[in-house]
Amino acid sequence: MTTLTSGAIKRYRVMALFTGTMLLLLTFVVIPLQLWAHNKTLEKPVAIIHGYGYMLYLIVALDLCLRARYKPIRTILILLVGVVPFLAFYYERIVVRDTQRLLAEAQERTAKKKAKTAAKAARTKTTVSVGAQGADATEPSPEPAQAE
């Protein structure tokens, strides 16, 4: 069973921002340079970096969605925002906010469960120690050995 972590949220955030930035660079710098200035210098490197970055984004986003147990439709939407300019930045904020809320709720549940377990263990320990003291009070205590 995988659990939601702040590390998964940070990885998603970094990759969403990276993918969004590379897509903006590709869309608003590289393609206009290619079309109007007939300059293809940046086309290949930026496209390759964005492509590999998007593949890594897919892995990180899928990991986050599985950990957060998002529904399939939301997971698909999260995976696709990396191909629409500006949408990656907008939806990244929404996903991070919702996922941080889920993480806080999970941590709160875990803290309550630990407190409940600790209280139960304390009650059990108190009951056992009181029972042991009662048994000691009824038994005669051994006499100390005397030296001759």
C-alpha atoms as a PDB file:
ATOM      1  CA  MET A   1       0.000   0.000   0.000  1.00  0.00           C
ATOM      2  CA  THR A   2       1.468   3.328  -1.018  1.00  0.00           C
ATOM      3  CA  THR A   3       0.854   6.406   1.046  1.00  0.00           C
ATOM      4  CA  LEU A   4       0.665  10.050   0.155  1.00  0.00           C
ATOM      5  CA  THR A   5       3.809  11.985   1.074  1.00  0.00           C
ATOM      6  CA  SER A   6       4.974  15.558   0.860  1.00  0.00           C
ATOM      7  CA  GLY A   7       7.828  14.294  -1.349  1.00  0.00           C
ATOM      8  CA  ALA A   8       5.350  13.050  -3.946  1.00  0.00           C
ATOM      9  CA  ILE A   9       3.669  16.461  -3.933  1.00  0.00           C
ATOM     10  CA  LYS A  10       7.010  18.257  -4.354  1.00  0.00           C
ATOM     11  CA  ARG A  11       8.060  15.971  -7.219  1.00  0.00           C
ATOM     12  CA  TYR A  12       4.752  16.595  -8.972  1.00  0.00           C
ATOM     13  CA  ARG A  13       5.012  20.348  -8.454  1.00  0.00           C
ATOM     14  CA  VAL A  14       8.551  20.544  -9.844  1.00  0.00           C
ATOM     15  CA  MET A  15       7.734  18.453 -12.897  1.00  0.00           C
ATOM     16  CA  ALA A  16       4.469  20.303 -13.600  1.00  0.00           C
ATOM     17  CA  LEU A  17       6.239  23.657 -13.503  1.00  0.00           C
ATOM     18  CA  PHE A  18       9.143  22.360 -15.598  1.00  0.00           C
ATOM     19  CA  THR A  19       6.846  20.827 -18.208  1.00  0.00           C
ATOM     20  CA  GLY A  20       4.691  23.955 -18.345  1.00  0.00           C
ATOM     21  CA  THR A  21       7.743  26.188 -18.745  1.00  0.00           C
ATOM     22  CA  MET A  22       9.227  24.044 -21.507  1.00  0.00           C
ATOM     23  CA  LEU A  23       5.877  23.963 -23.306  1.00  0.00           C
ATOM     24  CA  LEU A  24       5.608  27.753 -23.145  1.00  0.00           C
ATOM     25  CA  LEU A  25       9.154  28.081 -24.440  1.00  0.00           C
ATOM     26  CA  LEU A  26       8.387  25.670 -27.258  1.00  0.00           C
ATOM     27  CA  THR A  27       5.084  27.326 -28.152  1.00  0.00           C
ATOM     28  CA  PHE A  28       5.931  31.010 -27.861  1.00  0.00           C
ATOM     29  CA  VAL A  29       9.653  31.129 -28.662  1.00  0.00           C
ATOM     30  CA  VAL A  30      10.788  28.120 -30.676  1.00  0.00           C
ATOM     31  CA  ILE A  31       7.839  27.786 -33.049  1.00  0.00           C
ATOM     32  CA  PRO A  32       7.663  31.541 -33.875  1.00  0.00           C
ATOM     33  CA  LEU A  33      11.436  31.540 -34.460  1.00  0.00           C
ATOM     34  CA  GLN A  34      11.053  28.574 -36.757  1.00  0.00           C
ATOM     35  CA  LEU A  35       8.118  29.995 -38.692  1.00  0.00           C
ATOM     36  CA  TRP A  36       8.997  33.678 -39.012  1.00  0.00           C
ATOM     37  CA  ALA A  37      12.780  33.798 -38.687  1.00  0.00           C
ATOM     38  CA  HIS A  38      13.395  30.411 -40.352  1.00  0.00           C
ATOM     39  CA  ASN A  39      15.710  29.609 -37.459  1.00  0.00           C
ATOM     40  CA  LYS A  40      15.592  25.966 -36.413  1.00  0.00           C
ATOM     41  CA  THR A  41      18.475  26.170 -33.926  1.00  0.00           C
ATOM     42  CA  LEU A  42      16.371  25.733 -30.775  1.00  0.00           C
ATOM     43  CA  GLU A  43      13.739  23.440 -32.245  1.00  0.00           C
ATOM     44  CA  LYS A  44      15.377  20.087 -31.631  1.00  0.00           C
ATOM     45  CA  PRO A  45      16.936  20.650 -28.170  1.00  0.00           C
ATOM     46  CA  VAL A  46      13.848  22.272 -26.657  1.00  0.00           C
ATOM     47  CA  ALA A  47      11.518  19.677 -28.188  1.00  0.00           C
ATOM     48  CA  ILE A  48      13.672  16.829 -26.857  1.00  0.00           C
ATOM     49  CA  ILE A  49      13.939  18.358 -23.384  1.00  0.00           C
ATOM     50  CA  HIS A  50      10.179  18.955 -23.281  1.00  0.00           C
ATOM     51  CA  GLY A  51       9.490  15.413 -24.533  1.00  0.00           C
ATOM     52  CA  TYR A  52      11.646  13.714 -21.914  1.00  0.00           C
ATOM     53  CA  GLY A  53      10.398  16.124 -19.266  1.00  0.00           C
ATOM     54  CA  TYR A  54       6.796  15.304 -20.170  1.00  0.00           C
ATOM     55  CA  MET A  55       7.483  11.560 -19.935  1.00  0.00           C
ATOM     56  CA  LEU A  56       8.955  12.087 -16.473  1.00  0.00           C
ATOM     57  CA  TYR A  57       5.968  14.312 -15.607  1.00  0.00           C
ATOM     58  CA  LEU A  58       3.616  11.468 -16.592  1.00  0.00           C
ATOM     59  CA  ILE A  59       5.391   9.069 -14.218  1.00  0.00           C
ATOM     60  CA  VAL A  60       5.462  11.552 -11.331  1.00  0.00           C
ATOM     61  CA  ALA A  61       1.839  12.643 -11.875  1.00  0.00           C
ATOM     62  CA  LEU A  62       0.628   9.045 -12.094  1.00  0.00           C
ATOM     63  CA  ASP A  63       2.492   8.247  -8.876  1.00  0.00           C
ATOM     64  CA  LEU A  64       0.806  11.187  -7.142  1.00  0.00           C
ATOM     65  CA  CYS A  65      -2.629  10.251  -8.469  1.00  0.00           C
ATOM     66  CA  LEU A  66      -2.264   6.658  -7.302  1.00  0.00           C
ATOM     67  CA  ARG A  67      -1.051   7.744  -3.869  1.00  0.00           C
ATOM     68  CA  ALA A  68      -3.911  10.261  -3.534  1.00  0.00           C
ATOM     69  CA  ARG A  69      -6.366   7.693  -4.937  1.00  0.00           C
ATOM     70  CA  TYR A  70      -7.824  10.105  -7.461  1.00  0.00           C
ATOM     71  CA  LYS A  71     -10.582   8.903  -9.747  1.00  0.00           C
ATOM     72  CA  PRO A  72      -9.555   7.826 -13.285  1.00  0.00           C
ATOM     73  CA  ILE A  73     -11.091  10.892 -14.959  1.00  0.00           C
ATOM     74  CA  ARG A  74      -9.162  13.278 -12.722  1.00  0.00           C
ATOM     75  CA  THR A  75      -5.989  11.262 -13.224  1.00  0.00           C
ATOM     76  CA  ILE A  76      -6.323  11.501 -17.015  1.00  0.00           C
ATOM     77  CA  LEU A  77      -6.965  15.242 -16.771  1.00  0.00           C
ATOM     78  CA  ILE A  78      -3.871  15.704 -14.609  1.00  0.00           C
ATOM     79  CA  LEU A  79      -1.792  13.715 -17.094  1.00  0.00           C
ATOM     80  CA  LEU A  80      -3.020  15.782 -20.062  1.00  0.00           C
ATOM     81  CA  VAL A  81      -2.481  19.278 -18.655  1.00  0.00           C
ATOM     82  CA  GLY A  82       1.191  19.047 -19.600  1.00  0.00           C
ATOM     83  CA  VAL A  83       0.338  19.496 -23.280  1.00  0.00           C
ATOM     84  CA  VAL A  84      -1.775  22.674 -23.018  1.00  0.00           C
ATOM     85  CA  PRO A  85       0.113  25.985 -22.592  1.00  0.00           C
ATOM     86  CA  PHE A  86      -0.622  27.782 -19.287  1.00  0.00           C
ATOM     87  CA  LEU A  87      -2.939  25.014 -18.085  1.00  0.00           C
ATOM     88  CA  ALA A  88      -0.096  23.182 -16.334  1.00  0.00           C
ATOM     89  CA  PHE A  89       0.493  26.217 -14.085  1.00  0.00           C
ATOM     90  CA  TYR A  90      -3.187  26.689 -13.264  1.00  0.00           C
ATOM     91  CA  TYR A  91      -4.015  23.054 -12.622  1.00  0.00           C
ATOM     92  CA  GLU A  92      -0.782  22.452 -10.715  1.00  0.00           C
ATOM     93  CA  ARG A  93      -2.013  24.863  -8.028  1.00  0.00           C
ATOM     94  CA  ILE A  94      -5.358  23.062  -7.797  1.00  0.00           C
ATOM     95  CA  VAL A  95      -3.781  19.600  -7.595  1.00  0.00           C
ATOM     96  CA  VAL A  96      -1.199  20.653  -4.997  1.00  0.00           C
ATOM     97  CA  ARG A  97      -3.826  22.362  -2.826  1.00  0.00           C
ATOM     98  CA  ASP A  98      -6.184  19.368  -2.934  1.00  0.00           C
ATOM     99  CA  THR A  99      -3.399  16.866  -2.371  1.00  0.00           C
ATOM    100  CA  GLN A 100      -1.961  18.826   0.566  1.00  0.00           C
ATOM    101  CA  ARG A 101      -5.434  18.833   2.121  1.00  0.00           C
ATOM    102  CA  LEU A 102      -5.634  15.046   1.675  1.00  0.00           C
ATOM    103  CA  LEU A 103      -2.166  14.665   3.205  1.00  0.00           C
ATOM    104  CA  ALA A 104      -3.119  16.815   6.221  1.00  0.00           C
ATOM    105  CA  GLU A 105      -6.286  14.768   6.758  1.00  0.00           C
ATOM    106  CA  ALA A 106      -4.318  11.511   6.556  1.00  0.00           C
ATOM    107  CA  GLN A 107      -1.724  12.791   9.034  1.00  0.00           C
ATOM    108  CA  GLU A 108      -4.497  13.889  11.403  1.00  0.00           C
ATOM    109  CA  ARG A 109      -6.112  10.433  11.226  1.00  0.00           C
ATOM    110  CA  THR A 110      -2.748   8.803  11.885  1.00  0.00           C
ATOM    111  CA  ALA A 111      -2.086  11.066  14.882  1.00  0.00           C
ATOM    112  CA  LYS A 112      -5.509  10.273  16.348  1.00  0.00           C
ATOM    113  CA  LYS A 113      -4.939   6.561  15.837  1.00  0.00           C
ATOM    114  CA  LYS A 114      -1.520   6.733  17.557  1.00  0.00           C
ATOM    115  CA  ALA A 115      -2.984   8.706  20.469  1.00  0.00           C
ATOM    116  CA  LYS A 116      -5.780   6.180  20.851  1.00  0.00           C
ATOM    117  CA  THR A 117      -3.302   3.284  20.790  1.00  0.00           C
ATOM    118  CA  ALA A 118      -1.042   5.017  23.323  1.00  0.00           C
ATOM    119  CA  ALA A 119      -3.996   5.682  25.640  1.00  0.00           C
ATOM    120  CA  LYS A 120      -5.068   2.052  25.379  1.00  0.00           C
ATOM    121  CA  ALA A 121      -1.526   0.869  26.122  1.00  0.00           C
ATOM    122  CA  ALA A 122      -1.332   3.198  29.138  1.00  0.00           C
ATOM    123  CA  ARG A 123      -4.633   1.854  30.483  1.00  0.00           C
ATOM    124  CA  THR A 124      -3.436  -1.717  30.012  1.00  0.00           C
ATOM    125  CA  LYS A 125      -0.117  -0.966  31.728  1.00  0.00           C
ATOM    126  CA  THR A 126      -1.907   0.701  34.668  1.00  0.00           C
ATOM    127  CA  THR A 127      -4.256  -2.268  35.050  1.00  0.00           C
ATOM    128  CA  VAL A 128      -1.375  -4.751  34.965  1.00  0.00           C
ATOM    129  CA  SER A 129       0.739  -2.784  37.472  1.00  0.00           C
ATOM    130  CA  VAL A 130      -2.194  -2.375  39.892  1.00  0.00           C
ATOM    131  CA  GLY A 131      -2.883  -6.116  39.645  1.00  0.00           C
ATOM    132  CA  ALA A 132       0.789  -6.901  40.293  1.00  0.00           C
ATOM    133  CA  GLN A 133       0.898  -4.635  43.347  1.00  0.00           C
ATOM    134  CA  GLY A 134      -2.205  -6.318  44.797  1.00  0.00           C
ATOM    135  CA  ALA A 135      -0.576  -9.738  44.386  1.00  0.00           C
ATOM    136  CA  ASP A 136       2.598  -8.537  46.102  1.00  0.00           C
ATOM    137  CA  ALA A 137       0.645  -7.216  49.075  1.00  0.00           C
ATOM    138  CA  THR A 138      -0.977 -10.599  49.832  1.00  0.00           C
ATOM    139  CA  GLU A 139       2.189 -12.685  49.502  1.00  0.00           C
ATOM    140  CA  PRO A 140       4.607 -12.765  52.390  1.00  0.00           C
ATOM    141  CA  SER A 141       7.873 -11.081  51.679  1.00  0.00           C
ATOM    142  CA  PRO A 142      11.023 -13.188  52.080  1.00  0.00           C
ATOM    143  CA  GLU A 143      13.154 -12.612  55.162  1.00  0.00           C
ATOM    144  CA  PRO A 144      16.609 -11.222  54.561  1.00  0.00           C
ATOM    145  CA  ALA A 145      19.452 -13.691  55.184  1.00  0.00           C
ATOM    146  CA  GLN A 146      21.372 -13.059  58.378  1.00  0.00           C
ATOM    147  CA  ALA A 147      25.109 -13.297  58.594  1.00  0.00           C
ATOM    148  CA  GLU A 148      26.647 -15.406  61.371  1.00  0.00           C
END
